């Protein structure tokens, strides 16, 4: 019985699924997330009266998202793979946002004149 108890931690480790690495390095993911958030900001600026606000925002947001992906040399399929990986590994997404949020907050303060 004692041998079984000693072997249990090793058995549990062997049975655990190996966590794959992110399809994108964390520092690049942080920049991608910042750029995607900036795309959302830009899409809400400069609304044109010929479109409804939501239609204009969605059209421009799609354009900005495509530009961001192209800038980062990422296809839509690769982006979907990255998003799916982070859905399975939410703790990793939390660590990305732990660095993204202060960057966005600093940018907001800088450009809103609060700094």
N, C-alpha and C. Protein backbone atom coordinates (compact mmCIF):
# COMPACT_ATOMS: atom_id res chain seq x y z
N UNK A 1 0.83 -1.20 0.00
CA UNK A 1 0.00 0.00 0.00
C UNK A 1 0.87 1.26 0.00
N UNK A 2 1.93 1.21 0.79
CA UNK A 2 2.81 2.37 0.87
C UNK A 2 3.44 2.67 -0.48
N UNK A 3 3.83 1.64 -1.22
CA UNK A 3 4.43 1.84 -2.54
C UNK A 3 3.43 2.50 -3.49
N UNK A 4 2.17 2.12 -3.36
CA UNK A 4 1.14 2.72 -4.21
C UNK A 4 1.00 4.21 -3.90
N UNK A 5 1.02 4.57 -2.63
CA UNK A 5 0.92 5.97 -2.24
C UNK A 5 2.14 6.77 -2.72
N UNK A 6 3.30 6.16 -2.70
CA UNK A 6 4.49 6.84 -3.19
C UNK A 6 4.45 7.01 -4.71
N UNK A 7 3.85 6.07 -5.39
CA UNK A 7 3.80 6.12 -6.85
C UNK A 7 2.67 7.01 -7.35
N UNK A 8 1.67 7.29 -6.51
CA UNK A 8 0.50 8.06 -6.94
C UNK A 8 0.84 9.41 -7.55
N UNK A 9 1.71 10.23 -6.94
CA UNK A 9 2.03 11.53 -7.58
C UNK A 9 2.63 11.36 -8.98
N UNK A 10 3.46 10.33 -9.15
CA UNK A 10 4.06 10.11 -10.48
C UNK A 10 3.02 9.66 -11.48
N UNK A 11 2.07 8.84 -11.04
CA UNK A 11 0.99 8.40 -11.92
C UNK A 11 0.12 9.58 -12.33
N UNK A 12 -0.18 10.44 -11.37
CA UNK A 12 -1.00 11.61 -11.69
C UNK A 12 -0.30 12.53 -12.68
N UNK A 13 0.98 12.73 -12.49
CA UNK A 13 1.74 13.56 -13.42
C UNK A 13 1.78 12.94 -14.81
N UNK A 14 1.92 11.64 -14.87
CA UNK A 14 1.98 10.96 -16.15
C UNK A 14 0.64 11.02 -16.87
N UNK A 15 -0.45 11.06 -16.13
CA UNK A 15 -1.79 11.07 -16.72
C UNK A 15 -2.23 12.46 -17.16
N UNK A 16 -1.60 13.48 -16.60
CA UNK A 16 -1.98 14.83 -16.98
C UNK A 16 -1.60 15.09 -18.43
N UNK A 17 -2.47 15.81 -19.11
CA UNK A 17 -2.15 16.19 -20.48
C UNK A 17 -1.06 17.24 -20.46
N UNK A 18 -0.12 17.10 -21.37
CA UNK A 18 0.94 18.09 -21.50
C UNK A 18 0.34 19.35 -22.13
N UNK A 19 0.55 20.45 -21.49
CA UNK A 19 0.03 21.71 -22.01
C UNK A 19 0.88 22.15 -23.19
N UNK A 20 0.25 22.32 -24.32
CA UNK A 20 0.95 22.79 -25.50
C UNK A 20 1.40 24.23 -25.29
N UNK A 21 2.41 24.59 -26.04
CA UNK A 21 2.83 25.99 -26.02
C UNK A 21 1.86 26.82 -26.83
N UNK A 22 1.79 28.07 -26.48
CA UNK A 22 0.94 29.00 -27.21
C UNK A 22 1.39 29.07 -28.66
N UNK A 23 0.46 29.19 -29.59
CA UNK A 23 0.83 29.32 -30.99
C UNK A 23 1.50 30.67 -31.30
N UNK A 24 1.55 31.55 -30.30
CA UNK A 24 2.20 32.86 -30.48
C UNK A 24 2.95 33.19 -29.20
N UNK A 25 4.20 33.64 -29.31
CA UNK A 25 4.94 34.05 -28.10
C UNK A 25 4.17 35.11 -27.32
N UNK A 26 4.30 35.05 -26.01
CA UNK A 26 3.51 35.93 -25.14
C UNK A 26 3.73 37.41 -25.42
N UNK A 27 4.96 37.82 -25.67
CA UNK A 27 5.21 39.25 -25.92
C UNK A 27 4.54 39.70 -27.21
N UNK A 28 4.50 38.84 -28.22
CA UNK A 28 3.81 39.19 -29.46
C UNK A 28 2.30 39.20 -29.25
N UNK A 29 1.81 38.28 -28.41
CA UNK A 29 0.38 38.25 -28.12
C UNK A 29 -0.03 39.52 -27.40
N UNK A 30 0.81 39.99 -26.49
CA UNK A 30 0.50 41.23 -25.77
C UNK A 30 0.36 42.39 -26.76
N UNK A 31 1.28 42.49 -27.70
CA UNK A 31 1.21 43.58 -28.68
C UNK A 31 -0.01 43.42 -29.58
N UNK A 32 -0.32 42.19 -29.97
CA UNK A 32 -1.51 41.95 -30.79
C UNK A 32 -2.77 42.39 -30.07
N UNK A 33 -2.88 42.06 -28.79
CA UNK A 33 -4.07 42.44 -28.01
C UNK A 33 -4.16 43.95 -27.89
N UNK A 34 -3.03 44.61 -27.64
CA UNK A 34 -3.02 46.08 -27.57
C UNK A 34 -3.51 46.65 -28.90
N UNK A 35 -2.98 46.14 -30.00
CA UNK A 35 -3.37 46.64 -31.31
C UNK A 35 -4.84 46.39 -31.61
N UNK A 36 -5.36 45.26 -31.19
CA UNK A 36 -6.78 44.98 -31.41
C UNK A 36 -7.66 45.93 -30.59
N UNK A 37 -7.23 46.23 -29.37
CA UNK A 37 -7.99 47.19 -28.57
C UNK A 37 -7.93 48.59 -29.20
N UNK A 38 -6.78 48.94 -29.73
CA UNK A 38 -6.65 50.24 -30.39
C UNK A 38 -7.54 50.28 -31.64
N UNK A 39 -7.65 49.17 -32.34
CA UNK A 39 -8.53 49.11 -33.51
C UNK A 39 -9.97 49.40 -33.10
N UNK A 40 -10.37 48.89 -31.95
CA UNK A 40 -11.73 49.16 -31.47
C UNK A 40 -11.92 50.65 -31.17
N UNK A 41 -10.90 51.26 -30.61
CA UNK A 41 -10.97 52.70 -30.33
C UNK A 41 -11.08 53.48 -31.64
N UNK A 42 -10.20 53.18 -32.58
CA UNK A 42 -10.21 53.89 -33.86
C UNK A 42 -11.53 53.72 -34.60
N UNK A 43 -12.13 52.54 -34.49
CA UNK A 43 -13.39 52.30 -35.21
C UNK A 43 -14.53 53.13 -34.66
N UNK A 44 -14.38 53.60 -33.42
CA UNK A 44 -15.45 54.39 -32.83
C UNK A 44 -15.25 55.90 -33.04
N UNK A 45 -14.13 56.26 -33.68
CA UNK A 45 -13.81 57.67 -33.93
C UNK A 45 -14.23 58.05 -35.36
N UNK A 46 -14.67 59.27 -35.54
CA UNK A 46 -14.94 59.78 -36.88
C UNK A 46 -16.14 59.17 -37.55
N UNK A 47 -17.20 59.09 -36.83
CA UNK A 47 -18.42 58.51 -37.40
C UNK A 47 -18.96 59.41 -38.50
N UNK A 48 -19.46 58.78 -39.53
CA UNK A 48 -20.01 59.48 -40.68
C UNK A 48 -21.53 59.43 -40.61
N UNK A 49 -22.19 60.52 -40.88
CA UNK A 49 -23.64 60.57 -40.75
C UNK A 49 -24.36 59.76 -41.83
N UNK A 50 -23.66 59.34 -42.88
CA UNK A 50 -24.33 58.56 -43.93
C UNK A 50 -24.57 57.11 -43.52
N UNK A 51 -23.90 56.66 -42.47
CA UNK A 51 -24.10 55.31 -41.96
C UNK A 51 -24.66 55.40 -40.55
N UNK A 52 -25.36 54.34 -40.16
CA UNK A 52 -25.75 54.30 -38.76
C UNK A 52 -24.47 54.09 -37.95
N UNK A 53 -24.48 54.49 -36.72
CA UNK A 53 -23.29 54.41 -35.87
C UNK A 53 -22.81 52.96 -35.78
N UNK A 54 -23.69 52.02 -35.53
CA UNK A 54 -23.25 50.64 -35.36
C UNK A 54 -22.76 50.04 -36.67
N UNK A 55 -23.39 50.37 -37.79
CA UNK A 55 -22.93 49.83 -39.07
C UNK A 55 -21.55 50.39 -39.41
N UNK A 56 -21.35 51.66 -39.21
CA UNK A 56 -20.05 52.29 -39.46
C UNK A 56 -18.99 51.67 -38.58
N UNK A 57 -19.31 51.49 -37.32
CA UNK A 57 -18.35 50.93 -36.38
C UNK A 57 -17.98 49.51 -36.78
N UNK A 58 -18.95 48.70 -37.13
CA UNK A 58 -18.67 47.31 -37.50
C UNK A 58 -17.86 47.24 -38.79
N UNK A 59 -18.19 48.06 -39.78
CA UNK A 59 -17.43 48.08 -41.02
C UNK A 59 -15.98 48.48 -40.77
N UNK A 60 -15.79 49.56 -40.06
CA UNK A 60 -14.43 50.03 -39.82
C UNK A 60 -13.67 49.08 -38.90
N UNK A 61 -14.36 48.48 -37.95
CA UNK A 61 -13.70 47.55 -37.05
C UNK A 61 -13.18 46.34 -37.82
N UNK A 62 -13.95 45.82 -38.75
CA UNK A 62 -13.50 44.69 -39.57
C UNK A 62 -12.27 45.08 -40.38
N UNK A 63 -12.26 46.28 -40.92
CA UNK A 63 -11.11 46.76 -41.69
C UNK A 63 -9.89 46.88 -40.78
N UNK A 64 -10.07 47.49 -39.61
CA UNK A 64 -8.96 47.65 -38.67
C UNK A 64 -8.44 46.30 -38.19
N UNK A 65 -9.34 45.38 -37.87
CA UNK A 65 -8.91 44.04 -37.44
C UNK A 65 -8.08 43.38 -38.53
N UNK A 66 -8.54 43.46 -39.77
CA UNK A 66 -7.78 42.87 -40.87
C UNK A 66 -6.41 43.52 -41.01
N UNK A 67 -6.36 44.84 -40.83
CA UNK A 67 -5.07 45.55 -40.89
C UNK A 67 -4.14 45.09 -39.77
N UNK A 68 -4.68 44.91 -38.58
CA UNK A 68 -3.86 44.46 -37.45
C UNK A 68 -3.32 43.06 -37.72
N UNK A 69 -4.17 42.18 -38.17
CA UNK A 69 -3.71 40.81 -38.46
C UNK A 69 -2.64 40.82 -39.55
N UNK A 70 -2.86 41.61 -40.57
CA UNK A 70 -1.88 41.70 -41.65
C UNK A 70 -0.55 42.27 -41.12
N UNK A 71 -0.64 43.29 -40.28
CA UNK A 71 0.57 43.89 -39.69
C UNK A 71 1.37 42.85 -38.90
N UNK A 72 0.67 41.97 -38.21
CA UNK A 72 1.32 40.94 -37.40
C UNK A 72 1.59 39.65 -38.19
N UNK A 73 1.34 39.69 -39.50
CA UNK A 73 1.54 38.53 -40.37
C UNK A 73 0.79 37.30 -39.87
N UNK A 74 -0.49 37.51 -39.55
CA UNK A 74 -1.34 36.44 -39.05
C UNK A 74 -2.55 36.31 -39.97
N UNK A 75 -2.84 35.10 -40.36
CA UNK A 75 -4.06 34.86 -41.14
C UNK A 75 -5.24 34.72 -40.20
N UNK A 76 -6.43 34.79 -40.75
CA UNK A 76 -7.62 34.62 -39.92
C UNK A 76 -7.63 33.23 -39.27
N UNK A 77 -7.20 32.21 -40.01
CA UNK A 77 -7.15 30.86 -39.45
C UNK A 77 -6.15 30.78 -38.29
N UNK A 78 -5.00 31.41 -38.44
CA UNK A 78 -4.03 31.42 -37.35
C UNK A 78 -4.58 32.16 -36.14
N UNK A 79 -5.26 33.26 -36.38
CA UNK A 79 -5.86 34.02 -35.28
C UNK A 79 -6.89 33.16 -34.55
N UNK A 80 -7.71 32.44 -35.31
CA UNK A 80 -8.70 31.55 -34.69
C UNK A 80 -8.02 30.47 -33.85
N UNK A 81 -6.90 29.95 -34.34
CA UNK A 81 -6.14 28.94 -33.59
C UNK A 81 -5.62 29.53 -32.28
N UNK A 82 -5.12 30.76 -32.35
CA UNK A 82 -4.60 31.44 -31.16
C UNK A 82 -5.73 31.65 -30.15
N UNK A 83 -6.87 32.14 -30.62
CA UNK A 83 -8.01 32.39 -29.74
C UNK A 83 -8.47 31.08 -29.10
N UNK A 84 -8.54 30.03 -29.88
CA UNK A 84 -8.96 28.73 -29.34
C UNK A 84 -7.98 28.22 -28.29
N UNK A 85 -6.68 28.44 -28.51
CA UNK A 85 -5.69 28.01 -27.52
C UNK A 85 -5.90 28.76 -26.21
N UNK A 86 -6.15 30.06 -26.30
CA UNK A 86 -6.36 30.84 -25.08
C UNK A 86 -7.69 30.51 -24.40
N UNK A 87 -8.66 30.02 -25.15
CA UNK A 87 -9.92 29.57 -24.53
C UNK A 87 -9.65 28.36 -23.63
N UNK A 88 -8.74 27.50 -24.06
CA UNK A 88 -8.39 26.31 -23.30
C UNK A 88 -7.41 26.64 -22.18
N UNK A 89 -6.70 27.74 -22.31
CA UNK A 89 -5.68 28.16 -21.34
C UNK A 89 -5.96 29.56 -20.83
N UNK A 90 -7.09 29.75 -20.16
CA UNK A 90 -7.47 31.11 -19.73
C UNK A 90 -6.49 31.75 -18.75
N UNK A 91 -5.77 30.94 -17.98
CA UNK A 91 -4.78 31.51 -17.06
C UNK A 91 -3.67 32.21 -17.83
N UNK A 92 -3.36 31.73 -19.02
CA UNK A 92 -2.35 32.37 -19.86
C UNK A 92 -2.87 33.71 -20.41
N UNK A 93 -4.15 33.73 -20.75
CA UNK A 93 -4.75 34.98 -21.21
C UNK A 93 -4.75 36.01 -20.08
N UNK A 94 -5.01 35.55 -18.86
CA UNK A 94 -4.95 36.45 -17.71
C UNK A 94 -3.56 37.07 -17.58
N UNK A 95 -2.52 36.27 -17.80
CA UNK A 95 -1.16 36.80 -17.67
C UNK A 95 -0.84 37.78 -18.79
N UNK A 96 -1.42 37.57 -19.97
CA UNK A 96 -1.25 38.53 -21.07
C UNK A 96 -1.92 39.84 -20.69
N UNK A 97 -3.16 39.76 -20.22
CA UNK A 97 -3.88 40.99 -19.86
C UNK A 97 -3.28 41.69 -18.65
N UNK A 98 -2.56 40.96 -17.81
CA UNK A 98 -1.89 41.60 -16.68
C UNK A 98 -0.85 42.61 -17.17
N UNK A 99 -0.33 42.40 -18.38
CA UNK A 99 0.62 43.36 -18.95
C UNK A 99 -0.06 44.32 -19.91
N UNK A 100 -1.14 43.89 -20.55
CA UNK A 100 -1.83 44.73 -21.53
C UNK A 100 -2.58 45.87 -20.85
N UNK A 101 -3.26 45.58 -19.77
CA UNK A 101 -4.09 46.60 -19.10
C UNK A 101 -3.27 47.81 -18.66
N UNK A 102 -2.12 47.61 -18.00
CA UNK A 102 -1.33 48.81 -17.65
C UNK A 102 -0.86 49.59 -18.88
N UNK A 103 -0.53 48.90 -19.96
CA UNK A 103 -0.11 49.60 -21.18
C UNK A 103 -1.25 50.43 -21.75
N UNK A 104 -2.44 49.86 -21.79
CA UNK A 104 -3.60 50.59 -22.31
C UNK A 104 -3.96 51.76 -21.40
N UNK A 105 -3.85 51.55 -20.11
CA UNK A 105 -4.14 52.61 -19.14
C UNK A 105 -3.16 53.76 -19.31
N UNK A 106 -1.89 53.42 -19.50
CA UNK A 106 -0.87 54.45 -19.72
C UNK A 106 -1.13 55.21 -21.02
N UNK A 107 -1.50 54.51 -22.07
CA UNK A 107 -1.79 55.15 -23.34
C UNK A 107 -3.01 56.07 -23.21
N UNK A 108 -4.02 55.61 -22.49
CA UNK A 108 -5.22 56.41 -22.31
C UNK A 108 -4.88 57.70 -21.57
N UNK A 109 -4.09 57.58 -20.52
CA UNK A 109 -3.70 58.77 -19.74
C UNK A 109 -2.87 59.72 -20.58
N UNK A 110 -1.98 59.18 -21.38
CA UNK A 110 -1.11 60.01 -22.22
C UNK A 110 -1.91 60.80 -23.25
N UNK A 111 -2.85 60.13 -23.90
CA UNK A 111 -3.58 60.78 -24.99
C UNK A 111 -4.83 61.53 -24.56
N UNK A 112 -5.23 61.34 -23.31
CA UNK A 112 -6.38 62.12 -22.84
C UNK A 112 -5.94 63.34 -22.05
N UNK A 113 -4.63 63.52 -21.93
CA UNK A 113 -4.11 64.71 -21.26
C UNK A 113 -4.07 64.59 -19.76
N UNK A 114 -4.21 63.38 -19.23
CA UNK A 114 -4.21 63.19 -17.78
C UNK A 114 -2.84 62.90 -17.21
N UNK A 115 -1.81 62.96 -18.02
CA UNK A 115 -0.49 62.62 -17.52
C UNK A 115 0.42 63.80 -17.46
